[in-house]
mmCIF file of all heavy atoms, coordinates in Angstrom:
data_MODEL
# 
_entry.id   MODEL 
# 
loop_
_atom_site.group_PDB 
_atom_site.id 
_atom_site.type_symbol 
_atom_site.label_atom_id 
_atom_site.label_alt_id 
_atom_site.label_comp_id 
_atom_site.label_asym_id 
_atom_site.label_entity_id 
_atom_site.label_seq_id 
_atom_site.pdbx_PDB_ins_code 
_atom_site.Cartn_x 
_atom_site.Cartn_y 
_atom_site.Cartn_z 
_atom_site.occupancy 
_atom_site.B_iso_or_equiv 
_atom_site.pdbx_formal_charge 
_atom_site.auth_seq_id 
_atom_site.auth_comp_id 
_atom_site.auth_asym_id 
_atom_site.auth_atom_id 
_atom_site.pdbx_PDB_model_num 
ATOM 1   N N   . SER A 1 1  ? -85.569  150.983 -119.615 1.00 0.00 ? 1  SER A N   1 
ATOM 2   C CA  . SER A 1 1  ? -86.328  150.168 -120.562 1.00 0.00 ? 1  SER A CA  1 
ATOM 3   C C   . SER A 1 1  ? -87.649  150.860 -120.901 1.00 0.00 ? 1  SER A C   1 
ATOM 4   O O   . SER A 1 1  ? -88.119  151.713 -120.147 1.00 0.00 ? 1  SER A O   1 
ATOM 5   C CB  . SER A 1 1  ? -86.623  148.788 -119.968 1.00 0.00 ? 1  SER A CB  1 
ATOM 6   O OG  . SER A 1 1  ? -85.427  148.084 -119.762 1.00 0.00 ? 1  SER A OG  1 
ATOM 7   N N   . PRO A 1 2  ? -88.261  150.485 -122.023 1.00 0.00 ? 2  PRO A N   1 
ATOM 8   C CA  . PRO A 1 2  ? -89.564  151.062 -122.383 1.00 0.00 ? 2  PRO A CA  1 
ATOM 9   C C   . PRO A 1 2  ? -90.631  150.706 -121.351 1.00 0.00 ? 2  PRO A C   1 
ATOM 10  O O   . PRO A 1 2  ? -90.504  149.724 -120.617 1.00 0.00 ? 2  PRO A O   1 
ATOM 11  C CB  . PRO A 1 2  ? -89.898  150.408 -123.728 1.00 0.00 ? 2  PRO A CB  1 
ATOM 12  C CG  . PRO A 1 2  ? -88.612  149.858 -124.242 1.00 0.00 ? 2  PRO A CG  1 
ATOM 13  C CD  . PRO A 1 2  ? -87.758  149.567 -123.042 1.00 0.00 ? 2  PRO A CD  1 
ATOM 14  N N   . LEU A 1 3  ? -91.677  151.517 -121.323 1.00 0.00 ? 3  LEU A N   1 
ATOM 15  C CA  . LEU A 1 3  ? -92.809  151.295 -120.425 1.00 0.00 ? 3  LEU A CA  1 
ATOM 16  C C   . LEU A 1 3  ? -94.033  150.923 -121.243 1.00 0.00 ? 3  LEU A C   1 
ATOM 17  O O   . LEU A 1 3  ? -94.194  151.382 -122.373 1.00 0.00 ? 3  LEU A O   1 
ATOM 18  C CB  . LEU A 1 3  ? -93.102  152.564 -119.615 1.00 0.00 ? 3  LEU A CB  1 
ATOM 19  C CG  . LEU A 1 3  ? -91.989  153.053 -118.700 1.00 0.00 ? 3  LEU A CG  1 
ATOM 20  C CD1 . LEU A 1 3  ? -92.300  154.444 -118.169 1.00 0.00 ? 3  LEU A CD1 1 
ATOM 21  C CD2 . LEU A 1 3  ? -91.783  152.085 -117.550 1.00 0.00 ? 3  LEU A CD2 1 
ATOM 22  N N   . GLU A 1 4  ? -94.894  150.082 -120.667 1.00 0.00 ? 4  GLU A N   1 
ATOM 23  C CA  . GLU A 1 4  ? -96.155  149.754 -121.332 1.00 0.00 ? 4  GLU A CA  1 
ATOM 24  C C   . GLU A 1 4  ? -97.311  150.134 -120.412 1.00 0.00 ? 4  GLU A C   1 
ATOM 25  O O   . GLU A 1 4  ? -97.174  150.154 -119.184 1.00 0.00 ? 4  GLU A O   1 
ATOM 26  C CB  . GLU A 1 4  ? -96.225  148.280 -121.723 1.00 0.00 ? 4  GLU A CB  1 
ATOM 27  C CG  . GLU A 1 4  ? -96.182  147.312 -120.585 1.00 0.00 ? 4  GLU A CG  1 
ATOM 28  C CD  . GLU A 1 4  ? -96.184  145.866 -121.051 1.00 0.00 ? 4  GLU A CD  1 
ATOM 29  O OE1 . GLU A 1 4  ? -95.822  145.589 -122.202 1.00 0.00 ? 4  GLU A OE1 1 
ATOM 30  O OE2 . GLU A 1 4  ? -96.564  145.018 -120.235 1.00 0.00 ? 4  GLU A OE2 1 
ATOM 31  N N   . VAL A 1 5  ? -98.446  150.444 -121.024 1.00 0.00 ? 5  VAL A N   1 
ATOM 32  C CA  . VAL A 1 5  ? -99.617  150.910 -120.285 1.00 0.00 ? 5  VAL A CA  1 
ATOM 33  C C   . VAL A 1 5  ? -100.391 149.733 -119.709 1.00 0.00 ? 5  VAL A C   1 
ATOM 34  O O   . VAL A 1 5  ? -100.636 148.743 -120.404 1.00 0.00 ? 5  VAL A O   1 
ATOM 35  C CB  . VAL A 1 5  ? -100.536 151.733 -121.213 1.00 0.00 ? 5  VAL A CB  1 
ATOM 36  C CG1 . VAL A 1 5  ? -101.813 152.140 -120.493 1.00 0.00 ? 5  VAL A CG1 1 
ATOM 37  C CG2 . VAL A 1 5  ? -99.810  152.959 -121.737 1.00 0.00 ? 5  VAL A CG2 1 
ATOM 38  N N   . ASP A 1 6  ? -100.769 149.855 -118.443 1.00 0.00 ? 6  ASP A N   1 
ATOM 39  C CA  . ASP A 1 6  ? -101.702 148.924 -117.803 1.00 0.00 ? 6  ASP A CA  1 
ATOM 40  C C   . ASP A 1 6  ? -102.910 149.771 -117.396 1.00 0.00 ? 6  ASP A C   1 
ATOM 41  O O   . ASP A 1 6  ? -102.935 150.366 -116.317 1.00 0.00 ? 6  ASP A O   1 
ATOM 42  C CB  . ASP A 1 6  ? -101.063 148.256 -116.589 1.00 0.00 ? 6  ASP A CB  1 
ATOM 43  C CG  . ASP A 1 6  ? -101.984 147.258 -115.904 1.00 0.00 ? 6  ASP A CG  1 
ATOM 44  O OD1 . ASP A 1 6  ? -103.188 147.223 -116.226 1.00 0.00 ? 6  ASP A OD1 1 
ATOM 45  O OD2 . ASP A 1 6  ? -101.506 146.517 -115.029 1.00 0.00 ? 6  ASP A OD2 1 
ATOM 46  N N   . ASP A 1 7  ? -103.887 149.856 -118.314 1.00 0.00 ? 7  ASP A N   1 
ATOM 47  C CA  . ASP A 1 7  ? -105.066 150.696 -118.082 1.00 0.00 ? 7  ASP A CA  1 
ATOM 48  C C   . ASP A 1 7  ? -105.843 150.264 -116.854 1.00 0.00 ? 7  ASP A C   1 
ATOM 49  O O   . ASP A 1 7  ? -106.341 151.095 -116.095 1.00 0.00 ? 7  ASP A O   1 
ATOM 50  C CB  . ASP A 1 7  ? -105.995 150.677 -119.306 1.00 0.00 ? 7  ASP A CB  1 
ATOM 51  C CG  . ASP A 1 7  ? -105.516 151.617 -120.407 1.00 0.00 ? 7  ASP A CG  1 
ATOM 52  O OD1 . ASP A 1 7  ? -105.081 152.731 -120.075 1.00 0.00 ? 7  ASP A OD1 1 
ATOM 53  O OD2 . ASP A 1 7  ? -105.581 151.221 -121.582 1.00 0.00 ? 7  ASP A OD2 1 
ATOM 54  N N   . GLU A 1 8  ? -105.955 148.960 -116.648 1.00 0.00 ? 8  GLU A N   1 
ATOM 55  C CA  . GLU A 1 8  ? -106.740 148.431 -115.537 1.00 0.00 ? 8  GLU A CA  1 
ATOM 56  C C   . GLU A 1 8  ? -106.205 148.916 -114.187 1.00 0.00 ? 8  GLU A C   1 
ATOM 57  O O   . GLU A 1 8  ? -106.953 149.268 -113.284 1.00 0.00 ? 8  GLU A O   1 
ATOM 58  C CB  . GLU A 1 8  ? -106.756 146.908 -115.589 1.00 0.00 ? 8  GLU A CB  1 
ATOM 59  C CG  . GLU A 1 8  ? -107.748 146.270 -114.648 1.00 0.00 ? 8  GLU A CG  1 
ATOM 60  C CD  . GLU A 1 8  ? -107.812 144.771 -114.861 1.00 0.00 ? 8  GLU A CD  1 
ATOM 61  O OE1 . GLU A 1 8  ? -108.148 144.354 -115.980 1.00 0.00 ? 8  GLU A OE1 1 
ATOM 62  O OE2 . GLU A 1 8  ? -107.517 144.043 -113.899 1.00 0.00 ? 8  GLU A OE2 1 
ATOM 63  N N   . ALA A 1 9  ? -104.881 148.932 -114.047 1.00 0.00 ? 9  ALA A N   1 
ATOM 64  C CA  . ALA A 1 9  ? -104.256 149.342 -112.786 1.00 0.00 ? 9  ALA A CA  1 
ATOM 65  C C   . ALA A 1 9  ? -103.861 150.818 -112.782 1.00 0.00 ? 9  ALA A C   1 
ATOM 66  O O   . ALA A 1 9  ? -103.346 151.306 -111.775 1.00 0.00 ? 9  ALA A O   1 
ATOM 67  C CB  . ALA A 1 9  ? -103.028 148.481 -112.515 1.00 0.00 ? 9  ALA A CB  1 
ATOM 68  N N   . SER A 1 10 ? -104.067 151.517 -113.896 1.00 0.00 ? 10 SER A N   1 
ATOM 69  C CA  . SER A 1 10 ? -103.632 152.924 -114.043 1.00 0.00 ? 10 SER A CA  1 
ATOM 70  C C   . SER A 1 10 ? -102.151 153.060 -113.722 1.00 0.00 ? 10 SER A C   1 
ATOM 71  O O   . SER A 1 10 ? -101.734 153.866 -112.887 1.00 0.00 ? 10 SER A O   1 
ATOM 72  C CB  . SER A 1 10 ? -104.458 153.851 -113.154 1.00 0.00 ? 10 SER A CB  1 
ATOM 73  O OG  . SER A 1 10 ? -105.773 153.891 -113.598 1.00 0.00 ? 10 SER A OG  1 
ATOM 74  N N   . GLU A 1 11 ? -101.359 152.242 -114.417 1.00 0.00 ? 11 GLU A N   1 
ATOM 75  C CA  . GLU A 1 11 ? -99.908  152.237 -114.201 1.00 0.00 ? 11 GLU A CA  1 
ATOM 76  C C   . GLU A 1 11 ? -99.174  152.137 -115.526 1.00 0.00 ? 11 GLU A C   1 
ATOM 77  O O   . GLU A 1 11 ? -99.718  151.671 -116.520 1.00 0.00 ? 11 GLU A O   1 
ATOM 78  C CB  . GLU A 1 11 ? -99.497  151.034 -113.351 1.00 0.00 ? 11 GLU A CB  1 
ATOM 79  C CG  . GLU A 1 11 ? -100.017 151.057 -111.941 1.00 0.00 ? 11 GLU A CG  1 
ATOM 80  C CD  . GLU A 1 11 ? -99.662  149.801 -111.161 1.00 0.00 ? 11 GLU A CD  1 
ATOM 81  O OE1 . GLU A 1 11 ? -99.553  148.708 -111.759 1.00 0.00 ? 11 GLU A OE1 1 
ATOM 82  O OE2 . GLU A 1 11 ? -99.491  149.924 -109.936 1.00 0.00 ? 11 GLU A OE2 1 
ATOM 83  N N   . LEU A 1 12 ? -97.928  152.560 -115.498 1.00 0.00 ? 12 LEU A N   1 
ATOM 84  C CA  . LEU A 1 12 ? -96.991  152.295 -116.581 1.00 0.00 ? 12 LEU A CA  1 
ATOM 85  C C   . LEU A 1 12 ? -96.011  151.270 -116.038 1.00 0.00 ? 12 LEU A C   1 
ATOM 86  O O   . LEU A 1 12 ? -95.394  151.480 -114.993 1.00 0.00 ? 12 LEU A O   1 
ATOM 87  C CB  . LEU A 1 12 ? -96.256  153.576 -116.998 1.00 0.00 ? 12 LEU A CB  1 
ATOM 88  C CG  . LEU A 1 12 ? -97.115  154.660 -117.635 1.00 0.00 ? 12 LEU A CG  1 
ATOM 89  C CD1 . LEU A 1 12 ? -96.269  155.899 -117.928 1.00 0.00 ? 12 LEU A CD1 1 
ATOM 90  C CD2 . LEU A 1 12 ? -97.757  154.150 -118.914 1.00 0.00 ? 12 LEU A CD2 1 
ATOM 91  N N   . VAL A 1 13 ? -95.876  150.154 -116.747 1.00 0.00 ? 13 VAL A N   1 
ATOM 92  C CA  . VAL A 1 13 ? -95.081  149.036 -116.249 1.00 0.00 ? 13 VAL A CA  1 
ATOM 93  C C   . VAL A 1 13 ? -93.824  148.878 -117.095 1.00 0.00 ? 13 VAL A C   1 
ATOM 94  O O   . VAL A 1 13 ? -93.876  148.890 -118.329 1.00 0.00 ? 13 VAL A O   1 
ATOM 95  C CB  . VAL A 1 13 ? -95.918  147.732 -116.290 1.00 0.00 ? 13 VAL A CB  1 
ATOM 96  C CG1 . VAL A 1 13 ? -95.113  146.559 -115.744 1.00 0.00 ? 13 VAL A CG1 1 
ATOM 97  C CG2 . VAL A 1 13 ? -97.210  147.909 -115.501 1.00 0.00 ? 13 VAL A CG2 1 
ATOM 98  N N   . CYS A 1 14 ? -92.703  148.720 -116.436 1.00 0.00 ? 14 CYS A N   1 
ATOM 99  C CA  . CYS A 1 14 ? -91.423  148.497 -117.106 1.00 0.00 ? 14 CYS A CA  1 
ATOM 100 C C   . CYS A 1 14 ? -91.463  147.168 -117.848 1.00 0.00 ? 14 CYS A C   1 
ATOM 101 O O   . CYS A 1 14 ? -91.907  146.154 -117.304 1.00 0.00 ? 14 CYS A O   1 
ATOM 102 C CB  . CYS A 1 14 ? -90.294  148.512 -116.083 1.00 0.00 ? 14 CYS A CB  1 
ATOM 103 S SG  . CYS A 1 14 ? -88.671  148.226 -116.824 1.00 0.00 ? 14 CYS A SG  1 
ATOM 104 N N   . THR A 1 15 ? -90.979  147.161 -119.089 1.00 0.00 ? 15 THR A N   1 
ATOM 105 C CA  . THR A 1 15 ? -90.988  145.945 -119.900 1.00 0.00 ? 15 THR A CA  1 
ATOM 106 C C   . THR A 1 15 ? -89.811  145.020 -119.606 1.00 0.00 ? 15 THR A C   1 
ATOM 107 O O   . THR A 1 15 ? -89.795  143.884 -120.053 1.00 0.00 ? 15 THR A O   1 
ATOM 108 C CB  . THR A 1 15 ? -90.987  146.296 -121.400 1.00 0.00 ? 15 THR A CB  1 
ATOM 109 O OG1 . THR A 1 15 ? -89.847  147.113 -121.688 1.00 0.00 ? 15 THR A OG1 1 
ATOM 110 C CG2 . THR A 1 15 ? -92.252  147.044 -121.789 1.00 0.00 ? 15 THR A CG2 1 
ATOM 111 N N   . ASN A 1 16 ? -88.841  145.488 -118.837 1.00 0.00 ? 16 ASN A N   1 
ATOM 112 C CA  . ASN A 1 16 ? -87.690  144.670 -118.464 1.00 0.00 ? 16 ASN A CA  1 
ATOM 113 C C   . ASN A 1 16 ? -88.136  143.699 -117.367 1.00 0.00 ? 16 ASN A C   1 
ATOM 114 O O   . ASN A 1 16 ? -88.522  144.118 -116.279 1.00 0.00 ? 16 ASN A O   1 
ATOM 115 C CB  . ASN A 1 16 ? -86.559  145.573 -117.972 1.00 0.00 ? 16 ASN A CB  1 
ATOM 116 C CG  . ASN A 1 16 ? -85.321  144.820 -117.567 1.00 0.00 ? 16 ASN A CG  1 
ATOM 117 O OD1 . ASN A 1 16 ? -85.334  143.608 -117.362 1.00 0.00 ? 16 ASN A OD1 1 
ATOM 118 N ND2 . ASN A 1 16 ? -84.228  145.540 -117.422 1.00 0.00 ? 16 ASN A ND2 1 
ATOM 119 N N   . THR A 1 17 ? -88.068  142.403 -117.647 1.00 0.00 ? 17 THR A N   1 
ATOM 120 C CA  . THR A 1 17 ? -88.557  141.407 -116.681 1.00 0.00 ? 17 THR A CA  1 
ATOM 121 C C   . THR A 1 17 ? -87.750  141.401 -115.384 1.00 0.00 ? 17 THR A C   1 
ATOM 122 O O   . THR A 1 17 ? -88.265  141.032 -114.341 1.00 0.00 ? 17 THR A O   1 
ATOM 123 C CB  . THR A 1 17 ? -88.557  139.997 -117.290 1.00 0.00 ? 17 THR A CB  1 
ATOM 124 O OG1 . THR A 1 17 ? -87.241  139.697 -117.760 1.00 0.00 ? 17 THR A OG1 1 
ATOM 125 C CG2 . THR A 1 17 ? -89.547  139.899 -118.435 1.00 0.00 ? 17 THR A CG2 1 
ATOM 126 N N   . GLU A 1 18 ? -86.496  141.808 -115.422 1.00 0.00 ? 18 GLU A N   1 
ATOM 127 C CA  . GLU A 1 18 ? -85.685  141.852 -114.206 1.00 0.00 ? 18 GLU A CA  1 
ATOM 128 C C   . GLU A 1 18 ? -86.061  143.046 -113.330 1.00 0.00 ? 18 GLU A C   1 
ATOM 129 O O   . GLU A 1 18 ? -85.868  143.016 -112.128 1.00 0.00 ? 18 GLU A O   1 
ATOM 130 C CB  . GLU A 1 18 ? -84.206  141.912 -114.555 1.00 0.00 ? 18 GLU A CB  1 
ATOM 131 C CG  . GLU A 1 18 ? -83.691  140.635 -115.174 1.00 0.00 ? 18 GLU A CG  1 
ATOM 132 C CD  . GLU A 1 18 ? -82.225  140.720 -115.548 1.00 0.00 ? 18 GLU A CD  1 
ATOM 133 O OE1 . GLU A 1 18 ? -81.548  141.686 -115.136 1.00 0.00 ? 18 GLU A OE1 1 
ATOM 134 O OE2 . GLU A 1 18 ? -81.762  139.819 -116.248 1.00 0.00 ? 18 GLU A OE2 1 
ATOM 135 N N   . CYS A 1 19 ? -86.581  144.097 -113.929 1.00 0.00 ? 19 CYS A N   1 
ATOM 136 C CA  . CYS A 1 19 ? -86.973  145.291 -113.188 1.00 0.00 ? 19 CYS A CA  1 
ATOM 137 C C   . CYS A 1 19 ? -88.475  145.226 -112.908 1.00 0.00 ? 19 CYS A C   1 
ATOM 138 O O   . CYS A 1 19 ? -88.884  145.039 -111.772 1.00 0.00 ? 19 CYS A O   1 
ATOM 139 C CB  . CYS A 1 19 ? -86.623  146.538 -113.999 1.00 0.00 ? 19 CYS A CB  1 
ATOM 140 S SG  . CYS A 1 19 ? -87.146  148.089 -113.242 1.00 0.00 ? 19 CYS A SG  1 
ATOM 141 N N   . GLY A 1 20 ? -89.294  145.409 -113.936 1.00 0.00 ? 20 GLY A N   1 
ATOM 142 C CA  . GLY A 1 20 ? -90.738  145.263 -113.833 1.00 0.00 ? 20 GLY A CA  1 
ATOM 143 C C   . GLY A 1 20 ? -91.461  146.253 -112.943 1.00 0.00 ? 20 GLY A C   1 
ATOM 144 O O   . GLY A 1 20 ? -92.607  146.039 -112.582 1.00 0.00 ? 20 GLY A O   1 
ATOM 145 N N   . LEU A 1 21 ? -90.816  147.354 -112.564 1.00 0.00 ? 21 LEU A N   1 
ATOM 146 C CA  . LEU A 1 21 ? -91.475  148.326 -111.694 1.00 0.00 ? 21 LEU A CA  1 
ATOM 147 C C   . LEU A 1 21 ? -92.729  148.889 -112.366 1.00 0.00 ? 21 LEU A C   1 
ATOM 148 O O   . LEU A 1 21 ? -92.762  149.081 -113.577 1.00 0.00 ? 21 LEU A O   1 
ATOM 149 C CB  . LEU A 1 21 ? -90.524  149.474 -111.352 1.00 0.00 ? 21 LEU A CB  1 
ATOM 150 C CG  . LEU A 1 21 ? -89.362  149.126 -110.431 1.00 0.00 ? 21 LEU A CG  1 
ATOM 151 C CD1 . LEU A 1 21 ? -88.416  150.318 -110.297 1.00 0.00 ? 21 LEU A CD1 1 
ATOM 152 C CD2 . LEU A 1 21 ? -89.860  148.692 -109.071 1.00 0.00 ? 21 LEU A CD2 1 
ATOM 153 N N   . ALA A 1 22 ? -93.753  149.150 -111.566 1.00 0.00 ? 22 ALA A N   1 
ATOM 154 C CA  . ALA A 1 22 ? -95.012  149.697 -112.058 1.00 0.00 ? 22 ALA A CA  1 
ATOM 155 C C   . ALA A 1 22 ? -95.188  151.097 -111.471 1.00 0.00 ? 22 ALA A C   1 
ATOM 156 O O   . ALA A 1 22 ? -95.250  151.263 -110.251 1.00 0.00 ? 22 ALA A O   1 
ATOM 157 C CB  . ALA A 1 22 ? -96.171  148.799 -111.664 1.00 0.00 ? 22 ALA A CB  1 
ATOM 158 N N   . TYR A 1 23 ? -95.238  152.090 -112.342 1.00 0.00 ? 23 TYR A N   1 
ATOM 159 C CA  . TYR A 1 23 ? -95.336  153.482 -111.931 1.00 0.00 ? 23 TYR A CA  1 
ATOM 160 C C   . TYR A 1 23 ? -96.785  153.950 -112.007 1.00 0.00 ? 23 TYR A C   1 
ATOM 161 O O   . TYR A 1 23 ? -97.458  153.736 -113.014 1.00 0.00 ? 23 TYR A O   1 
ATOM 162 C CB  . TYR A 1 23 ? -94.451  154.361 -112.836 1.00 0.00 ? 23 TYR A CB  1 
ATOM 163 C CG  . TYR A 1 23 ? -92.999  153.982 -112.750 1.00 0.00 ? 23 TYR A CG  1 
ATOM 164 C CD1 . TYR A 1 23 ? -92.447  153.043 -113.624 1.00 0.00 ? 23 TYR A CD1 1 
ATOM 165 C CD2 . TYR A 1 23 ? -92.180  154.527 -111.774 1.00 0.00 ? 23 TYR A CD2 1 
ATOM 166 C CE1 . TYR A 1 23 ? -91.115  152.667 -113.525 1.00 0.00 ? 23 TYR A CE1 1 
ATOM 167 C CE2 . TYR A 1 23 ? -90.848  154.161 -111.667 1.00 0.00 ? 23 TYR A CE2 1 
ATOM 168 C CZ  . TYR A 1 23 ? -90.320  153.233 -112.542 1.00 0.00 ? 23 TYR A CZ  1 
ATOM 169 O OH  . TYR A 1 23 ? -89.011  152.863 -112.440 1.00 0.00 ? 23 TYR A OH  1 
ATOM 170 N N   . PRO A 1 24 ? -97.282  154.601 -110.961 1.00 0.00 ? 24 PRO A N   1 
ATOM 171 C CA  . PRO A 1 24 ? -98.673  155.048 -110.966 1.00 0.00 ? 24 PRO A CA  1 
ATOM 172 C C   . PRO A 1 24 ? -98.893  156.199 -111.953 1.00 0.00 ? 24 PRO A C   1 
ATOM 173 O O   . PRO A 1 24 ? -97.973  156.969 -112.245 1.00 0.00 ? 24 PRO A O   1 
ATOM 174 C CB  . PRO A 1 24 ? -98.899  155.517 -109.528 1.00 0.00 ? 24 PRO A CB  1 
ATOM 175 C CG  . PRO A 1 24 ? -97.553  155.903 -109.036 1.00 0.00 ? 24 PRO A CG  1 
ATOM 176 C CD  . PRO A 1 24 ? -96.589  154.981 -109.728 1.00 0.00 ? 24 PRO A CD  1 
# 
């Protein structure tokens, strides 16, 4: 699934609600 930026946490977060993994 696509990833979205979380600047505050310095992570890329999966947009799939079932997955939702956050990559540093």
